[in-house]
PDB file of N, CA and C in Angstrom:
ATOM      1  N   MET A   1     -51.856  40.995 -51.756  1.00  0.00           N
ATOM      2  CA  MET A   1     -51.830  42.374 -52.138  1.00  0.00           C
ATOM      3  C   MET A   1     -51.178  43.168 -50.754  1.00  0.00           C
ATOM      4  N   PRO A   2     -50.821  43.539 -51.250  1.00  0.00           N
ATOM      5  CA  PRO A   2     -50.357  44.713 -49.490  1.00  0.00           C
ATOM      6  C   PRO A   2     -51.387  45.204 -49.369  1.00  0.00           C
ATOM      7  N   GLU A   3     -52.380  45.823 -49.673  1.00  0.00           N
ATOM      8  CA  GLU A   3     -53.588  46.755 -48.496  1.00  0.00           C
ATOM      9  C   GLU A   3     -53.967  45.590 -48.087  1.00  0.00           C
ATOM     10  N   THR A   4     -54.355  44.182 -47.963  1.00  0.00           N
ATOM     11  CA  THR A   4     -54.843  42.872 -47.616  1.00  0.00           C
ATOM     12  C   THR A   4     -53.965  42.104 -47.326  1.00  0.00           C
ATOM     13  N   MET A   5     -52.934  41.944 -47.094  1.00  0.00           N
ATOM     14  CA  MET A   5     -51.824  41.265 -47.133  1.00  0.00           C
ATOM     15  C   MET A   5     -52.196  39.044 -47.388  1.00  0.00           C
ATOM     16  N   LYS A   6     -53.765  39.204 -48.694  1.00  0.00           N
ATOM     17  CA  LYS A   6     -53.686  38.307 -48.275  1.00  0.00           C
ATOM     18  C   LYS A   6     -52.869  37.623 -50.333  1.00  0.00           C
ATOM     19  N   ILE A   7     -53.009  36.455 -50.446  1.00  0.00           N
ATOM     20  CA  ILE A   7     -52.540  35.617 -51.786  1.00  0.00           C
ATOM     21  C   ILE A   7     -53.604  35.420 -52.429  1.00  0.00           C
ATOM     22  N   VAL A   8     -53.796  36.245 -53.495  1.00  0.00           N
ATOM     23  CA  VAL A   8     -54.674  36.358 -54.810  1.00  0.00           C
ATOM     24  C   VAL A   8     -54.169  34.959 -55.249  1.00  0.00           C
ATOM     25  N   ASN A   9     -54.375  34.022 -55.673  1.00  0.00           N
ATOM     26  CA  ASN A   9     -53.872  32.760 -56.015  1.00  0.00           C
ATOM     27  C   ASN A   9     -54.314  32.870 -58.017  1.00  0.00           C
ATOM     28  N   TRP A  10     -53.083  33.436 -58.651  1.00  0.00           N
ATOM     29  CA  TRP A  10     -53.917  33.627 -60.313  1.00  0.00           C
ATOM     30  C   TRP A  10     -52.461  32.869 -60.749  1.00  0.00           C
ATOM     31  N   TRP A  11     -52.332  33.072 -62.193  1.00  0.00           N
ATOM     32  CA  TRP A  11     -50.745  32.404 -62.763  1.00  0.00           C
ATOM     33  C   TRP A  11     -49.745  32.705 -61.758  1.00  0.00           C
ATOM     34  N   VAL A  12     -48.831  31.884 -61.919  1.00  0.00           N
ATOM     35  CA  VAL A  12     -47.617  32.078 -61.658  1.00  0.00           C
ATOM     36  C   VAL A  12     -46.885  33.438 -62.693  1.00  0.00           C
ATOM     37  N   THR A  13     -46.965  34.005 -63.274  1.00  0.00           N
ATOM     38  CA  THR A  13     -46.721  35.264 -63.606  1.00  0.00           C
ATOM     39  C   THR A  13     -46.942  36.322 -63.235  1.00  0.00           C
ATOM     40  N   GLU A  14     -48.943  36.212 -63.159  1.00  0.00           N
ATOM     41  CA  GLU A  14     -49.248  37.434 -61.863  1.00  0.00           C
ATOM     42  C   GLU A  14     -49.125  37.801 -60.537  1.00  0.00           C
ATOM     43  N   GLU A  15     -48.081  35.787 -59.676  1.00  0.00           N
ATOM     44  CA  GLU A  15     -47.968  36.771 -58.457  1.00  0.00           C
ATOM     45  C   GLU A  15     -46.713  37.061 -58.348  1.00  0.00           C
ATOM     46  N   THR A  16     -45.578  36.547 -59.570  1.00  0.00           N
ATOM     47  CA  THR A  16     -44.796  37.349 -60.030  1.00  0.00           C
ATOM     48  C   THR A  16     -44.357  38.816 -59.559  1.00  0.00           C
ATOM     49  N   ILE A  17     -45.335  39.200 -60.720  1.00  0.00           N
ATOM     50  CA  ILE A  17     -45.362  40.553 -60.769  1.00  0.00           C
ATOM     51  C   ILE A  17     -46.229  40.959 -59.566  1.00  0.00           C
ATOM     52  N   GLN A  18     -46.970  40.436 -58.968  1.00  0.00           N
ATOM     53  CA  GLN A  18     -47.306  41.327 -57.561  1.00  0.00           C
ATOM     54  C   GLN A  18     -45.934  40.932 -56.651  1.00  0.00           C
ATOM     55  N   ILE A  19     -46.192  40.094 -56.506  1.00  0.00           N
ATOM     56  CA  ILE A  19     -44.420  39.722 -55.610  1.00  0.00           C
ATOM     57  C   ILE A  19     -43.808  41.247 -56.103  1.00  0.00           C
ATOM     58  N   ILE A  20     -43.132  41.086 -57.081  1.00  0.00           N
ATOM     59  CA  ILE A  20     -41.934  42.753 -57.564  1.00  0.00           C
ATOM     60  C   ILE A  20     -42.469  43.784 -56.774  1.00  0.00           C
ATOM     61  N   LYS A  21     -43.815  43.833 -56.830  1.00  0.00           N
ATOM     62  CA  LYS A  21     -44.307  45.241 -57.003  1.00  0.00           C
ATOM     63  C   LYS A  21     -44.282  45.521 -54.812  1.00  0.00           C
ATOM     64  N   ASN A  22     -44.587  44.366 -54.624  1.00  0.00           N
ATOM     65  CA  ASN A  22     -44.892  44.621 -52.985  1.00  0.00           C
ATOM     66  C   ASN A  22     -43.360  44.614 -52.437  1.00  0.00           C
ATOM     67  N   ILE A  23     -42.234  44.073 -53.182  1.00  0.00           N
ATOM     68  CA  ILE A  23     -41.102  44.800 -53.197  1.00  0.00           C
ATOM     69  C   ILE A  23     -40.920  45.876 -53.014  1.00  0.00           C
ATOM     70  N   THR A  24     -41.054  46.339 -54.429  1.00  0.00           N
ATOM     71  CA  THR A  24     -40.472  47.424 -54.584  1.00  0.00           C
ATOM     72  C   THR A  24     -41.368  48.112 -53.751  1.00  0.00           C
ATOM     73  N   TRP A  25     -42.277  48.239 -53.108  1.00  0.00           N
ATOM     74  CA  TRP A  25     -43.130  49.426 -51.987  1.00  0.00           C
ATOM     75  C   TRP A  25     -42.012  49.194 -50.745  1.00  0.00           C
ATOM     76  N   ILE A  26     -42.085  48.268 -50.576  1.00  0.00           N
ATOM     77  CA  ILE A  26     -41.915  48.103 -49.041  1.00  0.00           C
ATOM     78  C   ILE A  26     -39.703  48.232 -49.065  1.00  0.00           C
ATOM     79  N   LEU A  27     -39.035  48.366 -50.344  1.00  0.00           N
ATOM     80  CA  LEU A  27     -37.856  49.285 -50.509  1.00  0.00           C
ATOM     81  C   LEU A  27     -38.514  50.753 -50.517  1.00  0.00           C
ATOM     82  N   GLU A  28     -39.465  51.235 -51.315  1.00  0.00           N
ATOM     83  CA  GLU A  28     -38.964  53.051 -51.473  1.00  0.00           C
ATOM     84  C   GLU A  28     -40.133  54.058 -50.040  1.00  0.00           C
ATOM     85  N   GLU A  29     -40.453  52.522 -49.028  1.00  0.00           N
ATOM     86  CA  GLU A  29     -41.008  52.826 -47.920  1.00  0.00           C
ATOM     87  C   GLU A  29     -39.695  53.192 -46.829  1.00  0.00           C
ATOM     88  N   ASN A  30     -38.385  52.716 -47.260  1.00  0.00           N
ATOM     89  CA  ASN A  30     -37.148  52.109 -46.358  1.00  0.00           C
ATOM     90  C   ASN A  30     -36.074  52.770 -47.488  1.00  0.00           C
ATOM     91  N   ASN A  31     -36.256  53.945 -48.686  1.00  0.00           N
ATOM     92  CA  ASN A  31     -35.588  54.682 -49.496  1.00  0.00           C
ATOM     93  C   ASN A  31     -34.651  54.200 -50.323  1.00  0.00           C
ATOM     94  N   LEU A  32     -35.285  53.149 -50.244  1.00  0.00           N
ATOM     95  CA  LEU A  32     -34.228  52.070 -51.682  1.00  0.00           C
ATOM     96  C   LEU A  32     -35.333  51.866 -52.503  1.00  0.00           C
ATOM     97  N   ASN A  33     -34.266  51.216 -53.925  1.00  0.00           N
ATOM     98  CA  ASN A  33     -35.020  51.191 -55.010  1.00  0.00           C
ATOM     99  C   ASN A  33     -34.393  49.581 -54.898  1.00  0.00           C
ATOM    100  N   ILE A  34     -34.945  49.417 -56.284  1.00  0.00           N
ATOM    101  CA  ILE A  34     -35.134  47.444 -56.140  1.00  0.00           C
ATOM    102  C   ILE A  34     -33.421  47.372 -56.761  1.00  0.00           C
ATOM    103  N   LYS A  35     -32.527  48.561 -57.559  1.00  0.00           N
ATOM    104  CA  LYS A  35     -30.927  48.684 -58.331  1.00  0.00           C
ATOM    105  C   LYS A  35     -30.125  48.457 -56.604  1.00  0.00           C
ATOM    106  N   ASN A  36     -30.788  48.497 -55.075  1.00  0.00           N
ATOM    107  CA  ASN A  36     -30.393  48.305 -54.360  1.00  0.00           C
ATOM    108  C   ASN A  36     -31.039  46.559 -53.978  1.00  0.00           C
ATOM    109  N   ILE A  37     -30.606  45.794 -54.362  1.00  0.00           N
ATOM    110  CA  ILE A  37     -31.136  44.612 -53.911  1.00  0.00           C
ATOM    111  C   ILE A  37     -29.924  43.755 -54.435  1.00  0.00           C
ATOM    112  N   VAL A  38     -29.304  42.856 -53.851  1.00  0.00           N
ATOM    113  CA  VAL A  38     -27.794  42.717 -54.584  1.00  0.00           C
ATOM    114  C   VAL A  38     -28.136  40.644 -54.425  1.00  0.00           C
ATOM    115  N   LYS A  39     -29.396  40.403 -53.983  1.00  0.00           N
ATOM    116  CA  LYS A  39     -29.684  38.528 -53.663  1.00  0.00           C
ATOM    117  C   LYS A  39     -30.719  38.220 -53.610  1.00  0.00           C
ATOM    118  N   THR A  40     -31.170  37.353 -54.256  1.00  0.00           N
ATOM    119  CA  THR A  40     -32.812  37.442 -54.271  1.00  0.00           C
ATOM    120  C   THR A  40     -32.769  35.417 -54.017  1.00  0.00           C
ATOM    121  N   THR A  41     -33.713  34.647 -53.689  1.00  0.00           N
ATOM    122  CA  THR A  41     -33.830  33.514 -53.524  1.00  0.00           C
ATOM    123  C   THR A  41     -35.400  33.512 -53.826  1.00  0.00           C
ATOM    124  N   ILE A  42     -35.496  32.582 -54.981  1.00  0.00           N
ATOM    125  CA  ILE A  42     -36.303  32.201 -55.506  1.00  0.00           C
ATOM    126  C   ILE A  42     -37.017  31.138 -54.591  1.00  0.00           C
ATOM    127  N   PHE A  43     -38.563  31.071 -54.360  1.00  0.00           N
ATOM    128  CA  PHE A  43     -39.263  29.756 -53.909  1.00  0.00           C
ATOM    129  C   PHE A  43     -40.183  29.173 -54.919  1.00  0.00           C
ATOM    130  N   LEU A  44     -39.857  28.102 -55.093  1.00  0.00           N
ATOM    131  CA  LEU A  44     -41.000  28.220 -56.746  1.00  0.00           C
ATOM    132  C   LEU A  44     -41.423  26.776 -55.876  1.00  0.00           C
ATOM    133  N   GLN A  45     -43.665  26.275 -56.508  1.00  0.00           N
ATOM    134  CA  GLN A  45     -43.785  25.095 -55.443  1.00  0.00           C
ATOM    135  C   GLN A  45     -43.402  24.222 -57.085  1.00  0.00           C
ATOM    136  N   ASP A  46     -43.413  24.566 -57.948  1.00  0.00           N
ATOM    137  CA  ASP A  46     -43.334  23.717 -59.033  1.00  0.00           C
ATOM    138  C   ASP A  46     -42.449  24.361 -59.853  1.00  0.00           C
ATOM    139  N   ILE A  47     -40.835  23.459 -60.203  1.00  0.00           N
ATOM    140  CA  ILE A  47     -39.906  24.674 -61.046  1.00  0.00           C
ATOM    141  C   ILE A  47     -40.054  24.496 -62.090  1.00  0.00           C
ATOM    142  N   ASN A  48     -41.452  23.480 -62.897  1.00  0.00           N
ATOM    143  CA  ASN A  48     -41.862  23.734 -64.335  1.00  0.00           C
ATOM    144  C   ASN A  48     -41.609  25.045 -64.540  1.00  0.00           C
ATOM    145  N   ASP A  49     -42.349  26.075 -63.650  1.00  0.00           N
ATOM    146  CA  ASP A  49     -42.597  27.098 -63.539  1.00  0.00           C
ATOM    147  C   ASP A  49     -41.334  28.248 -63.921  1.00  0.00           C
ATOM    148  N   PHE A  50     -39.897  27.559 -63.911  1.00  0.00           N
ATOM    149  CA  PHE A  50     -39.324  28.205 -63.846  1.00  0.00           C
ATOM    150  C   PHE A  50     -38.604  29.572 -64.957  1.00  0.00           C
ATOM    151  N   LYS A  51     -39.218  28.985 -66.646  1.00  0.00           N
ATOM    152  CA  LYS A  51     -39.709  29.606 -67.728  1.00  0.00           C
ATOM    153  C   LYS A  51     -40.415  31.029 -67.803  1.00  0.00           C
ATOM    154  N   ILE A  52     -41.334  30.823 -67.511  1.00  0.00           N
ATOM    155  CA  ILE A  52     -41.992  31.381 -67.212  1.00  0.00           C
ATOM    156  C   ILE A  52     -41.995  33.021 -66.094  1.00  0.00           C
ATOM    157  N   ILE A  53     -41.334  32.381 -64.541  1.00  0.00           N
ATOM    158  CA  ILE A  53     -41.300  33.537 -64.148  1.00  0.00           C
ATOM    159  C   ILE A  53     -39.745  34.273 -64.199  1.00  0.00           C
ATOM    160  N   ASN A  54     -38.683  33.547 -64.721  1.00  0.00           N
ATOM    161  CA  ASN A  54     -37.637  34.095 -65.407  1.00  0.00           C
ATOM    162  C   ASN A  54     -37.972  35.287 -66.535  1.00  0.00           C
ATOM    163  N   GLU A  55     -38.720  34.876 -67.475  1.00  0.00           N
ATOM    164  CA  GLU A  55     -38.945  36.268 -68.015  1.00  0.00           C
ATOM    165  C   GLU A  55     -39.478  37.380 -67.616  1.00  0.00           C
ATOM    166  N   VAL A  56     -40.651  37.092 -66.237  1.00  0.00           N
ATOM    167  CA  VAL A  56     -40.834  38.490 -65.660  1.00  0.00           C
ATOM    168  C   VAL A  56     -39.826  39.012 -64.531  1.00  0.00           C
ATOM    169  N   TYR A  57     -38.989  38.228 -64.155  1.00  0.00           N
ATOM    170  CA  TYR A  57     -37.849  38.710 -63.210  1.00  0.00           C
ATOM    171  C   TYR A  57     -37.271  39.054 -64.065  1.00  0.00           C
ATOM    172  N   TRP A  58     -36.532  38.740 -65.153  1.00  0.00           N
ATOM    173  CA  TRP A  58     -35.466  39.387 -65.374  1.00  0.00           C
ATOM    174  C   TRP A  58     -35.790  41.070 -66.946  1.00  0.00           C
ATOM    175  N   ALA A  59     -37.588  40.892 -66.441  1.00  0.00           N
ATOM    176  CA  ALA A  59     -37.980  41.943 -67.125  1.00  0.00           C
ATOM    177  C   ALA A  59     -37.809  43.222 -66.305  1.00  0.00           C
ATOM    178  N   PHE A  60     -38.088  43.223 -65.012  1.00  0.00           N
ATOM    179  CA  PHE A  60     -37.974  43.447 -63.533  1.00  0.00           C
ATOM    180  C   PHE A  60     -35.715  44.232 -62.780  1.00  0.00           C
ATOM    181  N   PHE A  61     -35.814  42.758 -62.981  1.00  0.00           N
ATOM    182  CA  PHE A  61     -34.297  42.723 -62.307  1.00  0.00           C
ATOM    183  C   PHE A  61     -33.274  43.168 -63.468  1.00  0.00           C
ATOM    184  N   LEU A  62     -32.863  44.679 -63.883  1.00  0.00           N
ATOM    185  CA  LEU A  62     -32.640  44.919 -65.009  1.00  0.00           C
ATOM    186  C   LEU A  62     -30.604  44.594 -64.597  1.00  0.00           C
ATOM    187  N   HIS A  63     -30.377  45.232 -63.246  1.00  0.00           N
ATOM    188  CA  HIS A  63     -28.595  44.823 -63.380  1.00  0.00           C
ATOM    189  C   HIS A  63     -28.470  43.530 -62.288  1.00  0.00           C
ATOM    190  N   LYS A  64     -29.133  42.164 -62.485  1.00  0.00           N
ATOM    191  CA  LYS A  64     -28.880  41.663 -62.813  1.00  0.00           C
ATOM    192  C   LYS A  64     -28.214  40.654 -60.933  1.00  0.00           C
ATOM    193  N   PRO A  65     -28.830  41.097 -59.635  1.00  0.00           N
ATOM    194  CA  PRO A  65     -28.649  40.480 -58.571  1.00  0.00           C
ATOM    195  C   PRO A  65     -27.953  39.024 -59.048  1.00  0.00           C
ATOM    196  N   ALA A  66     -27.452  38.669 -57.555  1.00  0.00           N
ATOM    197  CA  ALA A  66     -26.992  37.070 -57.447  1.00  0.00           C
ATOM    198  C   ALA A  66     -28.416  36.022 -57.333  1.00  0.00           C
ATOM    199  N   ARG A  67     -28.736  35.697 -57.748  1.00  0.00           N
ATOM    200  CA  ARG A  67     -29.928  34.836 -56.792  1.00  0.00           C
ATOM    201  C   ARG A  67     -29.908  32.661 -57.036  1.00  0.00           C
ATOM    202  N   SER A  68     -30.499  32.666 -56.217  1.00  0.00           N
ATOM    203  CA  SER A  68     -30.861  31.245 -56.390  1.00  0.00           C
ATOM    204  C   SER A  68     -32.300  30.316 -56.558  1.00  0.00           C
ATOM    205  N   THR A  69     -32.108  29.623 -57.387  1.00  0.00           N
ATOM    206  CA  THR A  69     -34.057  29.130 -57.173  1.00  0.00           C
ATOM    207  C   THR A  69     -34.696  27.453 -56.695  1.00  0.00           C
ATOM    208  N   ILE A  70     -35.656  27.782 -56.154  1.00  0.00           N
ATOM    209  CA  ILE A  70     -35.174  26.637 -55.388  1.00  0.00           C
ATOM    210  C   ILE A  70     -37.447  26.194 -55.090  1.00  0.00           C
ATOM    211  N   GLU A  71     -37.239  24.740 -55.587  1.00  0.00           N
ATOM    212  CA  GLU A  71     -38.512  24.353 -55.641  1.00  0.00           C
ATOM    213  C   GLU A  71     -38.673  23.208 -54.537  1.00  0.00           C
ATOM    214  N   VAL A  72     -40.001  24.403 -54.206  1.00  0.00           N
ATOM    215  CA  VAL A  72     -40.539  23.953 -52.446  1.00  0.00           C
ATOM    216  C   VAL A  72     -41.445  22.697 -52.586  1.00  0.00           C
ATOM    217  N   SER A  73     -41.978  21.740 -50.891  1.00  0.00           N
ATOM    218  CA  SER A  73     -42.752  21.295 -51.555  1.00  0.00           C
ATOM    219  C   SER A  73     -44.778  22.386 -51.489  1.00  0.00           C
ATOM    220  N   ARG A  74     -44.600  23.310 -50.736  1.00  0.00           N
ATOM    221  CA  ARG A  74     -45.636  24.518 -49.746  1.00  0.00           C
ATOM    222  C   ARG A  74     -44.976  25.554 -49.536  1.00  0.00           C
ATOM    223  N   LEU A  75     -45.502  26.392 -49.892  1.00  0.00           N
ATOM    224  CA  LEU A  75     -45.286  27.767 -49.587  1.00  0.00           C
ATOM    225  C   LEU A  75     -46.681  28.432 -48.616  1.00  0.00           C
ATOM    226  N   PRO A  76     -46.275  29.418 -47.744  1.00  0.00           N
ATOM    227  CA  PRO A  76     -47.204  30.333 -46.989  1.00  0.00           C
ATOM    228  C   PRO A  76     -49.072  31.113 -48.247  1.00  0.00           C
ATOM    229  N   LEU A  77     -50.096  29.914 -47.134  1.00  0.00           N
ATOM    230  CA  LEU A  77     -50.894  30.473 -47.927  1.00  0.00           C
ATOM    231  C   LEU A  77     -51.078  29.935 -49.638  1.00  0.00           C
ATOM    232  N   ASN A  78     -51.005  28.977 -49.928  1.00  0.00           N
ATOM    233  CA  ASN A  78     -50.770  28.142 -51.260  1.00  0.00           C
ATOM    234  C   ASN A  78     -50.087  29.479 -52.336  1.00  0.00           C
ATOM    235  N   ALA A  79     -49.593  29.927 -51.825  1.00  0.00           N
ATOM    236  CA  ALA A  79     -48.668  30.633 -53.260  1.00  0.00           C
ATOM    237  C   ALA A  79     -47.514  29.916 -53.835  1.00  0.00           C
ATOM    238  N   LEU A  80     -47.666  30.283 -54.881  1.00  0.00           N
ATOM    239  CA  LEU A  80     -47.028  29.712 -55.546  1.00  0.00           C
ATOM    240  C   LEU A  80     -45.992  30.007 -56.468  1.00  0.00           C
ATOM    241  N   ILE A  81     -45.351  31.322 -55.549  1.00  0.00           N
ATOM    242  CA  ILE A  81     -43.814  31.645 -56.142  1.00  0.00           C
ATOM    243  C   ILE A  81     -43.530  32.763 -54.128  1.00  0.00           C
ATOM    244  N   GLU A  82     -42.680  32.355 -53.966  1.00  0.00           N
ATOM    245  CA  GLU A  82     -42.017  33.200 -53.027  1.00  0.00           C
ATOM    246  C   GLU A  82     -40.380  34.148 -52.994  1.00  0.00           C
ATOM    247  N   ILE A  83     -40.497  35.407 -53.256  1.00  0.00           N
ATOM    248  CA  ILE A  83     -39.033  35.919 -53.254  1.00  0.00           C
ATOM    249  C   ILE A  83     -38.677  36.551 -52.249  1.00  0.00           C
ATOM    250  N   GLU A  84     -37.502  35.658 -51.748  1.00  0.00           N
ATOM    251  CA  GLU A  84     -36.567  36.584 -50.539  1.00  0.00           C
ATOM    252  C   GLU A  84     -35.162  38.154 -51.499  1.00  0.00           C
ATOM    253  N   VAL A  85     -35.220  38.739 -51.076  1.00  0.00           N
ATOM    254  CA  VAL A  85     -34.435  39.538 -50.591  1.00  0.00           C
ATOM    255  C   VAL A  85     -33.598  40.614 -50.219  1.00  0.00           C
ATOM    256  N   ILE A  86     -32.414  40.816 -50.480  1.00  0.00           N
ATOM    257  CA  ILE A  86     -31.594  41.568 -49.674  1.00  0.00           C
ATOM    258  C   ILE A  86     -30.981  42.188 -50.065  1.00  0.00           C
ATOM    259  N   ALA A  87     -31.191  43.237 -49.829  1.00  0.00           N
ATOM    260  CA  ALA A  87     -30.805  44.866 -50.441  1.00  0.00           C
ATOM    261  C   ALA A  87     -29.858  45.372 -49.065  1.00  0.00           C
ATOM    262  N   LYS A  88     -28.650  46.268 -50.264  1.00  0.00           N
ATOM    263  CA  LYS A  88     -28.111  46.485 -49.394  1.00  0.00           C
ATOM    264  C   LYS A  88     -27.413  48.489 -49.722  1.00  0.00           C
ATOM    265  N   LYS A  89     -27.489  49.495 -48.896  1.00  0.00           N
ATOM    266  CA  LYS A  89     -27.637  51.346 -49.507  1.00  0.00           C
ATOM    267  C   LYS A  89     -26.494  51.605 -50.081  1.00  0.00           C
TER     268      LYS A  89
END
């Protein structure tokens, strides 16, 4: 949560939605929006969650930026997912 800077471990769906909301907030603070994203990298604690996050992801990213998805053994604060973005004006 941006207010607390803490991760609330829900299900991967809720974490994905919150991450995208956080990314949107950061972009807006810099006079950008989600359409400015040209590349994302998704780090998943469990690659079996790929189908679940994919549905949430494409609901937000209608313009289909380039994407990589990687399974990792552990994420900071025991998050289930982390998304890194590159945005261009």
